[in-house]
């Protein structure tokens, strides 16, 4: 099962070459929280999760082919 993770802001530092997009292959269904642990992203850096245009919780289990957008808190001043 494959999903796509797309990130914004500070989270792009966790992704290859700062692209902010990562296809993730899952051997079994997993919550977004579990997926974050698998790809080594601190869940505390995620302010909002959006899946197919709808806001979701970290307990949401994405389905095959869904795009999960992780939005980090705004920084700066």
PDB file of N, CA and C in Angstrom:
ATOM      1  N   UNK A   1       0.839  -1.169   0.000  1.00  0.00           N
ATOM      2  CA  UNK A   1       0.000   0.000   0.000  1.00  0.00           C
ATOM      3  C   UNK A   1       0.890   1.239   0.000  1.00  0.00           C
ATOM      4  N   UNK A   2       0.580   2.181  -0.875  1.00  0.00           N
ATOM      5  CA  UNK A   2       1.402   3.386  -0.944  1.00  0.00           C
ATOM      6  C   UNK A   2       0.556   4.632  -0.730  1.00  0.00           C
ATOM      7  N   UNK A   3       1.122   5.560   0.044  1.00  0.00           N
ATOM      8  CA  UNK A   3       0.537   6.881   0.225  1.00  0.00           C
ATOM      9  C   UNK A   3       1.624   7.896  -0.080  1.00  0.00           C
ATOM     10  N   UNK A   4       1.249   9.150  -0.205  1.00  0.00           N
ATOM     11  CA  UNK A   4       2.219  10.220  -0.427  1.00  0.00           C
ATOM     12  C   UNK A   4       2.135  11.185   0.741  1.00  0.00           C
ATOM     13  N   UNK A   5       3.306  11.520   1.287  1.00  0.00           N
ATOM     14  CA  UNK A   5       3.390  12.519   2.349  1.00  0.00           C
ATOM     15  C   UNK A   5       3.928  13.795   1.719  1.00  0.00           C
ATOM     16  N   UNK A   6       3.224  14.905   1.939  1.00  0.00           N
ATOM     17  CA  UNK A   6       3.680  16.222   1.472  1.00  0.00           C
ATOM     18  C   UNK A   6       3.786  17.107   2.705  1.00  0.00           C
ATOM     19  N   UNK A   7       4.879  17.863   2.808  1.00  0.00           N
ATOM     20  CA  UNK A   7       5.082  18.689   3.995  1.00  0.00           C
ATOM     21  C   UNK A   7       5.332  20.143   3.627  1.00  0.00           C
ATOM     22  N   UNK A   8       5.119  21.002   4.626  1.00  0.00           N
ATOM     23  CA  UNK A   8       5.381  22.423   4.453  1.00  0.00           C
ATOM     24  C   UNK A   8       6.256  22.906   5.601  1.00  0.00           C
ATOM     25  N   UNK A   9       6.829  24.073   5.428  1.00  0.00           N
ATOM     26  CA  UNK A   9       7.569  24.739   6.497  1.00  0.00           C
ATOM     27  C   UNK A   9       8.770  23.970   7.004  1.00  0.00           C
ATOM     28  N   UNK A  10       8.944  23.971   8.318  1.00  0.00           N
ATOM     29  CA  UNK A  10      10.108  23.369   8.966  1.00  0.00           C
ATOM     30  C   UNK A  10      10.229  21.872   8.687  1.00  0.00           C
ATOM     31  N   UNK A  11       9.124  21.228   8.384  1.00  0.00           N
ATOM     32  CA  UNK A  11       9.147  19.776   8.175  1.00  0.00           C
ATOM     33  C   UNK A  11       9.918  19.363   6.926  1.00  0.00           C
ATOM     34  N   UNK A  12      10.114  20.278   5.975  1.00  0.00           N
ATOM     35  CA  UNK A  12      10.842  19.915   4.750  1.00  0.00           C
ATOM     36  C   UNK A  12      12.278  19.493   5.059  1.00  0.00           C
ATOM     37  N   UNK A  13      12.804  19.899   6.206  1.00  0.00           N
ATOM     38  CA  UNK A  13      14.167  19.514   6.592  1.00  0.00           C
ATOM     39  C   UNK A  13      14.308  18.001   6.780  1.00  0.00           C
ATOM     40  N   UNK A  14      13.195  17.300   7.029  1.00  0.00           N
ATOM     41  CA  UNK A  14      13.222  15.862   7.264  1.00  0.00           C
ATOM     42  C   UNK A  14      13.179  15.057   5.965  1.00  0.00           C
ATOM     43  N   UNK A  15      13.004  15.731   4.840  1.00  0.00           N
ATOM     44  CA  UNK A  15      12.794  15.027   3.584  1.00  0.00           C
ATOM     45  C   UNK A  15      13.990  15.169   2.658  1.00  0.00           C
ATOM     46  N   UNK A  16      14.226  14.176   1.806  1.00  0.00           N
ATOM     47  CA  UNK A  16      15.389  14.191   0.914  1.00  0.00           C
ATOM     48  C   UNK A  16      15.438  15.444   0.059  1.00  0.00           C
ATOM     49  N   UNK A  17      16.568  16.121   0.050  1.00  0.00           N
ATOM     50  CA  UNK A  17      16.828  17.302  -0.768  1.00  0.00           C
ATOM     51  C   UNK A  17      15.796  18.405  -0.558  1.00  0.00           C
ATOM     52  N   UNK A  18      15.127  18.396   0.587  1.00  0.00           N
ATOM     53  CA  UNK A  18      14.165  19.438   0.905  1.00  0.00           C
ATOM     54  C   UNK A  18      12.987  19.520  -0.046  1.00  0.00           C
ATOM     55  N   UNK A  19      12.671  18.427  -0.712  1.00  0.00           N
ATOM     56  CA  UNK A  19      11.588  18.442  -1.700  1.00  0.00           C
ATOM     57  C   UNK A  19      10.209  18.550  -1.072  1.00  0.00           C
ATOM     58  N   UNK A  20      10.059  18.010   0.108  1.00  0.00           N
ATOM     59  CA  UNK A  20       8.772  18.104   0.775  1.00  0.00           C
ATOM     60  C   UNK A  20       7.738  17.095   0.316  1.00  0.00           C
ATOM     61  N   UNK A  21       8.132  16.139  -0.526  1.00  0.00           N
ATOM     62  CA  UNK A  21       7.215  15.089  -0.979  1.00  0.00           C
ATOM     63  C   UNK A  21       7.911  13.745  -0.803  1.00  0.00           C
ATOM     64  N   UNK A  22       7.200  12.801  -0.206  1.00  0.00           N
ATOM     65  CA  UNK A  22       7.790  11.490   0.025  1.00  0.00           C
ATOM     66  C   UNK A  22       6.744  10.401  -0.176  1.00  0.00           C
ATOM     67  N   UNK A  23       6.964   9.522  -1.170  1.00  0.00           N
ATOM     68  CA  UNK A  23       6.079   8.357  -1.261  1.00  0.00           C
ATOM     69  C   UNK A  23       6.441   7.381  -0.145  1.00  0.00           C
ATOM     70  N   UNK A  24       5.442   6.841   0.524  1.00  0.00           N
ATOM     71  CA  UNK A  24       5.679   5.921   1.637  1.00  0.00           C
ATOM     72  C   UNK A  24       4.964   4.604   1.335  1.00  0.00           C
ATOM     73  N   UNK A  25       5.718   3.529   1.379  1.00  0.00           N
ATOM     74  CA  UNK A  25       5.174   2.188   1.164  1.00  0.00           C
ATOM     75  C   UNK A  25       4.884   1.578   2.530  1.00  0.00           C
ATOM     76  N   UNK A  26       3.638   1.151   2.730  1.00  0.00           N
ATOM     77  CA  UNK A  26       3.240   0.553   4.000  1.00  0.00           C
ATOM     78  C   UNK A  26       2.917  -0.916   3.810  1.00  0.00           C
ATOM     79  N   UNK A  27       3.427  -1.769   4.678  1.00  0.00           N
ATOM     80  CA  UNK A  27       3.134  -3.194   4.584  1.00  0.00           C
ATOM     81  C   UNK A  27       1.755  -3.518   5.149  1.00  0.00           C
ATOM     82  N   UNK A  28       1.244  -2.618   6.007  1.00  0.00           N
ATOM     83  CA  UNK A  28      -0.086  -2.794   6.589  1.00  0.00           C
ATOM     84  C   UNK A  28      -0.635  -1.415   6.933  1.00  0.00           C
ATOM     85  N   UNK A  29      -1.949  -1.290   7.095  1.00  0.00           N
ATOM     86  CA  UNK A  29      -2.514   0.008   7.466  1.00  0.00           C
ATOM     87  C   UNK A  29      -1.892   0.534   8.760  1.00  0.00           C
ATOM     88  N   UNK A  30      -1.696   1.847   8.820  1.00  0.00           N
ATOM     89  CA  UNK A  30      -1.088   2.469   9.994  1.00  0.00           C
ATOM     90  C   UNK A  30      -1.680   3.857  10.177  1.00  0.00           C
ATOM     91  N   UNK A  31      -1.689   4.325  11.422  1.00  0.00           N
ATOM     92  CA  UNK A  31      -2.161   5.680  11.692  1.00  0.00           C
ATOM     93  C   UNK A  31      -1.104   6.677  11.215  1.00  0.00           C
ATOM     94  N   UNK A  32      -1.512   7.916  11.065  1.00  0.00           N
ATOM     95  CA  UNK A  32      -0.549   8.948  10.684  1.00  0.00           C
ATOM     96  C   UNK A  32       0.535   9.053  11.741  1.00  0.00           C
ATOM     97  N   UNK A  33       0.169   8.919  13.006  1.00  0.00           N
ATOM     98  CA  UNK A  33       1.149   8.943  14.109  1.00  0.00           C
ATOM     99  C   UNK A  33       2.212   7.852  13.892  1.00  0.00           C
ATOM    100  N   UNK A  34       1.778   6.643  13.574  1.00  0.00           N
ATOM    101  CA  UNK A  34       2.712   5.528  13.355  1.00  0.00           C
ATOM    102  C   UNK A  34       3.578   5.765  12.128  1.00  0.00           C
ATOM    103  N   UNK A  35       2.990   6.352  11.097  1.00  0.00           N
ATOM    104  CA  UNK A  35       3.757   6.647   9.884  1.00  0.00           C
ATOM    105  C   UNK A  35       4.829   7.687  10.181  1.00  0.00           C
ATOM    106  N   UNK A  36       4.488   8.708  10.965  1.00  0.00           N
ATOM    107  CA  UNK A  36       5.477   9.720  11.346  1.00  0.00           C
ATOM    108  C   UNK A  36       6.645   9.083  12.090  1.00  0.00           C
ATOM    109  N   UNK A  37       6.344   8.156  12.992  1.00  0.00           N
ATOM    110  CA  UNK A  37       7.412   7.460  13.718  1.00  0.00           C
ATOM    111  C   UNK A  37       8.276   6.648  12.761  1.00  0.00           C
ATOM    112  N   UNK A  38       7.638   6.007  11.785  1.00  0.00           N
ATOM    113  CA  UNK A  38       8.357   5.179  10.813  1.00  0.00           C
ATOM    114  C   UNK A  38       9.319   6.022   9.967  1.00  0.00           C
ATOM    115  N   UNK A  39       8.898   7.236   9.578  1.00  0.00           N
ATOM    116  CA  UNK A  39       9.760   8.075   8.734  1.00  0.00           C
ATOM    117  C   UNK A  39      10.586   9.052   9.570  1.00  0.00           C
ATOM    118  N   UNK A  40      10.529   8.886  10.885  1.00  0.00           N
ATOM    119  CA  UNK A  40      11.349   9.640  11.831  1.00  0.00           C
ATOM    120  C   UNK A  40      11.079  11.149  11.803  1.00  0.00           C
ATOM    121  N   UNK A  41       9.794  11.502  11.863  1.00  0.00           N
ATOM    122  CA  UNK A  41       9.374  12.899  11.972  1.00  0.00           C
ATOM    123  C   UNK A  41       8.702  13.071  13.325  1.00  0.00           C
ATOM    124  N   UNK A  42       9.146  14.062  14.072  1.00  0.00           N
ATOM    125  CA  UNK A  42       8.588  14.344  15.393  1.00  0.00           C
ATOM    126  C   UNK A  42       7.143  14.845  15.247  1.00  0.00           C
ATOM    127  N   UNK A  43       6.158  14.106  15.784  1.00  0.00           N
ATOM    128  CA  UNK A  43       4.756  14.524  15.661  1.00  0.00           C
ATOM    129  C   UNK A  43       4.470  15.887  16.284  1.00  0.00           C
ATOM    130  N   UNK A  44       5.303  16.321  17.216  1.00  0.00           N
ATOM    131  CA  UNK A  44       5.100  17.627  17.844  1.00  0.00           C
ATOM    132  C   UNK A  44       5.339  18.774  16.864  1.00  0.00           C
ATOM    133  N   UNK A  45       6.016  18.482  15.738  1.00  0.00           N
ATOM    134  CA  UNK A  45       6.257  19.503  14.728  1.00  0.00           C
ATOM    135  C   UNK A  45       5.090  19.643  13.752  1.00  0.00           C
ATOM    136  N   UNK A  46       4.098  18.777  13.892  1.00  0.00           N
ATOM    137  CA  UNK A  46       2.946  18.791  12.987  1.00  0.00           C
ATOM    138  C   UNK A  46       1.788  19.518  13.660  1.00  0.00           C
ATOM    139  N   UNK A  47       1.397  20.653  13.073  1.00  0.00           N
ATOM    140  CA  UNK A  47       0.289  21.424  13.623  1.00  0.00           C
ATOM    141  C   UNK A  47      -1.047  20.932  13.064  1.00  0.00           C
ATOM    142  N   UNK A  48      -1.067  20.624  11.763  1.00  0.00           N
ATOM    143  CA  UNK A  48      -2.298  20.231  11.094  1.00  0.00           C
ATOM    144  C   UNK A  48      -2.016  19.108  10.104  1.00  0.00           C
ATOM    145  N   UNK A  49      -2.953  18.172   9.995  1.00  0.00           N
ATOM    146  CA  UNK A  49      -2.876  17.094   9.014  1.00  0.00           C
ATOM    147  C   UNK A  49      -4.087  17.237   8.092  1.00  0.00           C
ATOM    148  N   UNK A  50      -3.834  17.245   6.777  1.00  0.00           N
ATOM    149  CA  UNK A  50      -4.914  17.333   5.800  1.00  0.00           C
ATOM    150  C   UNK A  50      -4.789  16.144   4.855  1.00  0.00           C
ATOM    151  N   UNK A  51      -5.888  15.406   4.685  1.00  0.00           N
ATOM    152  CA  UNK A  51      -5.910  14.259   3.779  1.00  0.00           C
ATOM    153  C   UNK A  51      -7.035  14.493   2.772  1.00  0.00           C
ATOM    154  N   UNK A  52      -6.659  14.555   1.505  1.00  0.00           N
ATOM    155  CA  UNK A  52      -7.643  14.790   0.437  1.00  0.00           C
ATOM    156  C   UNK A  52      -8.543  15.991   0.739  1.00  0.00           C
ATOM    157  N   UNK A  53      -7.922  17.059   1.236  1.00  0.00           N
ATOM    158  CA  UNK A  53      -8.650  18.300   1.479  1.00  0.00           C
ATOM    159  C   UNK A  53      -9.411  18.380   2.786  1.00  0.00           C
ATOM    160  N   UNK A  54      -9.357  17.320   3.594  1.00  0.00           N
ATOM    161  CA  UNK A  54     -10.063  17.325   4.872  1.00  0.00           C
ATOM    162  C   UNK A  54      -9.079  17.215   6.031  1.00  0.00           C
ATOM    163  N   UNK A  55      -9.322  18.021   7.065  1.00  0.00           N
ATOM    164  CA  UNK A  55      -8.463  17.977   8.250  1.00  0.00           C
ATOM    165  C   UNK A  55      -8.670  16.652   8.976  1.00  0.00           C
ATOM    166  N   UNK A  56      -7.570  16.040   9.396  1.00  0.00           N
ATOM    167  CA  UNK A  56      -7.621  14.749  10.090  1.00  0.00           C
ATOM    168  C   UNK A  56      -6.758  14.798  11.345  1.00  0.00           C
ATOM    169  N   UNK A  57      -7.015  13.843  12.235  1.00  0.00           N
ATOM    170  CA  UNK A  57      -6.222  13.686  13.461  1.00  0.00           C
ATOM    171  C   UNK A  57      -5.054  12.736  13.187  1.00  0.00           C
ATOM    172  N   UNK A  58      -4.092  12.707  14.105  1.00  0.00           N
ATOM    173  CA  UNK A  58      -2.958  11.784  13.972  1.00  0.00           C
ATOM    174  C   UNK A  58      -3.392  10.328  14.055  1.00  0.00           C
ATOM    175  N   UNK A  59      -4.591  10.077  14.556  1.00  0.00           N
ATOM    176  CA  UNK A  59      -5.103   8.713  14.678  1.00  0.00           C
ATOM    177  C   UNK A  59      -5.746   8.215  13.370  1.00  0.00           C
ATOM    178  N   UNK A  60      -5.838   9.085  12.362  1.00  0.00           N
ATOM    179  CA  UNK A  60      -6.446   8.708  11.081  1.00  0.00           C
ATOM    180  C   UNK A  60      -5.582   7.670  10.370  1.00  0.00           C
ATOM    181  N   UNK A  61      -6.230   6.701   9.735  1.00  0.00           N
ATOM    182  CA  UNK A  61      -5.516   5.674   8.961  1.00  0.00           C
ATOM    183  C   UNK A  61      -5.738   5.958   7.479  1.00  0.00           C
ATOM    184  N   UNK A  62      -4.696   6.452   6.781  1.00  0.00           N
ATOM    185  CA  UNK A  62      -4.860   6.755   5.363  1.00  0.00           C
ATOM    186  C   UNK A  62      -5.065   5.496   4.524  1.00  0.00           C
ATOM    187  N   UNK A  63      -5.799   5.669   3.433  1.00  0.00           N
ATOM    188  CA  UNK A  63      -6.083   4.575   2.511  1.00  0.00           C
ATOM    189  C   UNK A  63      -5.116   4.620   1.328  1.00  0.00           C
ATOM    190  N   UNK A  64      -5.048   3.535   0.590  1.00  0.00           N
ATOM    191  CA  UNK A  64      -4.196   3.418  -0.599  1.00  0.00           C
ATOM    192  C   UNK A  64      -4.338   4.644  -1.498  1.00  0.00           C
ATOM    193  N   UNK A  65      -3.191   5.228  -1.864  1.00  0.00           N
ATOM    194  CA  UNK A  65      -3.165   6.321  -2.819  1.00  0.00           C
ATOM    195  C   UNK A  65      -3.470   7.701  -2.268  1.00  0.00           C
ATOM    196  N   UNK A  66      -3.824   7.809  -0.995  1.00  0.00           N
ATOM    197  CA  UNK A  66      -4.147   9.124  -0.443  1.00  0.00           C
ATOM    198  C   UNK A  66      -2.896   9.972  -0.258  1.00  0.00           C
ATOM    199  N   UNK A  67      -3.094  11.288  -0.352  1.00  0.00           N
ATOM    200  CA  UNK A  67      -2.018  12.229  -0.085  1.00  0.00           C
ATOM    201  C   UNK A  67      -2.241  12.862   1.274  1.00  0.00           C
ATOM    202  N   UNK A  68      -1.221  12.749   2.136  1.00  0.00           N
ATOM    203  CA  UNK A  68      -1.281  13.296   3.480  1.00  0.00           C
ATOM    204  C   UNK A  68      -0.406  14.540   3.501  1.00  0.00           C
ATOM    205  N   UNK A  69      -1.001  15.687   3.816  1.00  0.00           N
ATOM    206  CA  UNK A  69      -0.262  16.946   3.896  1.00  0.00           C
ATOM    207  C   UNK A  69      -0.042  17.276   5.362  1.00  0.00           C
ATOM    208  N   UNK A  70       1.219  17.468   5.730  1.00  0.00           N
ATOM    209  CA  UNK A  70       1.588  17.804   7.102  1.00  0.00           C
ATOM    210  C   UNK A  70       1.979  19.276   7.135  1.00  0.00           C
ATOM    211  N   UNK A  71       1.314  20.039   7.973  1.00  0.00           N
ATOM    212  CA  UNK A  71       1.581  21.466   8.058  1.00  0.00           C
ATOM    213  C   UNK A  71       2.202  21.760   9.415  1.00  0.00           C
ATOM    214  N   UNK A  72       3.378  22.374   9.370  1.00  0.00           N
ATOM    215  CA  UNK A  72       4.074  22.710  10.624  1.00  0.00           C
ATOM    216  C   UNK A  72       3.632  24.088  11.087  1.00  0.00           C
ATOM    217  N   UNK A  73       3.835  24.381  12.380  1.00  0.00           N
ATOM    218  CA  UNK A  73       3.487  25.707  12.883  1.00  0.00           C
ATOM    219  C   UNK A  73       4.313  26.768  12.158  1.00  0.00           C
ATOM    220  N   UNK A  74       3.727  27.937  12.002  1.00  0.00           N
ATOM    221  CA  UNK A  74       4.458  29.036  11.388  1.00  0.00           C
ATOM    222  C   UNK A  74       5.558  29.489  12.336  1.00  0.00           C
ATOM    223  N   UNK A  75       6.694  29.852  11.763  1.00  0.00           N
ATOM    224  CA  UNK A  75       7.821  30.309  12.573  1.00  0.00           C
ATOM    225  C   UNK A  75       8.266  31.676  12.074  1.00  0.00           C
ATOM    226  N   UNK A  76       9.030  32.338  12.867  1.00  0.00           N
ATOM    227  CA  UNK A  76       9.558  33.635  12.436  1.00  0.00           C
ATOM    228  C   UNK A  76       8.938  34.759  13.230  1.00  0.00           C
ATOM    229  N   UNK A  77       9.249  35.965  12.844  1.00  0.00           N
ATOM    230  CA  UNK A  77       8.670  37.042  13.610  1.00  0.00           C
ATOM    231  C   UNK A  77       9.024  38.335  13.110  1.00  0.00           C
TER     232      UNK A  77
END
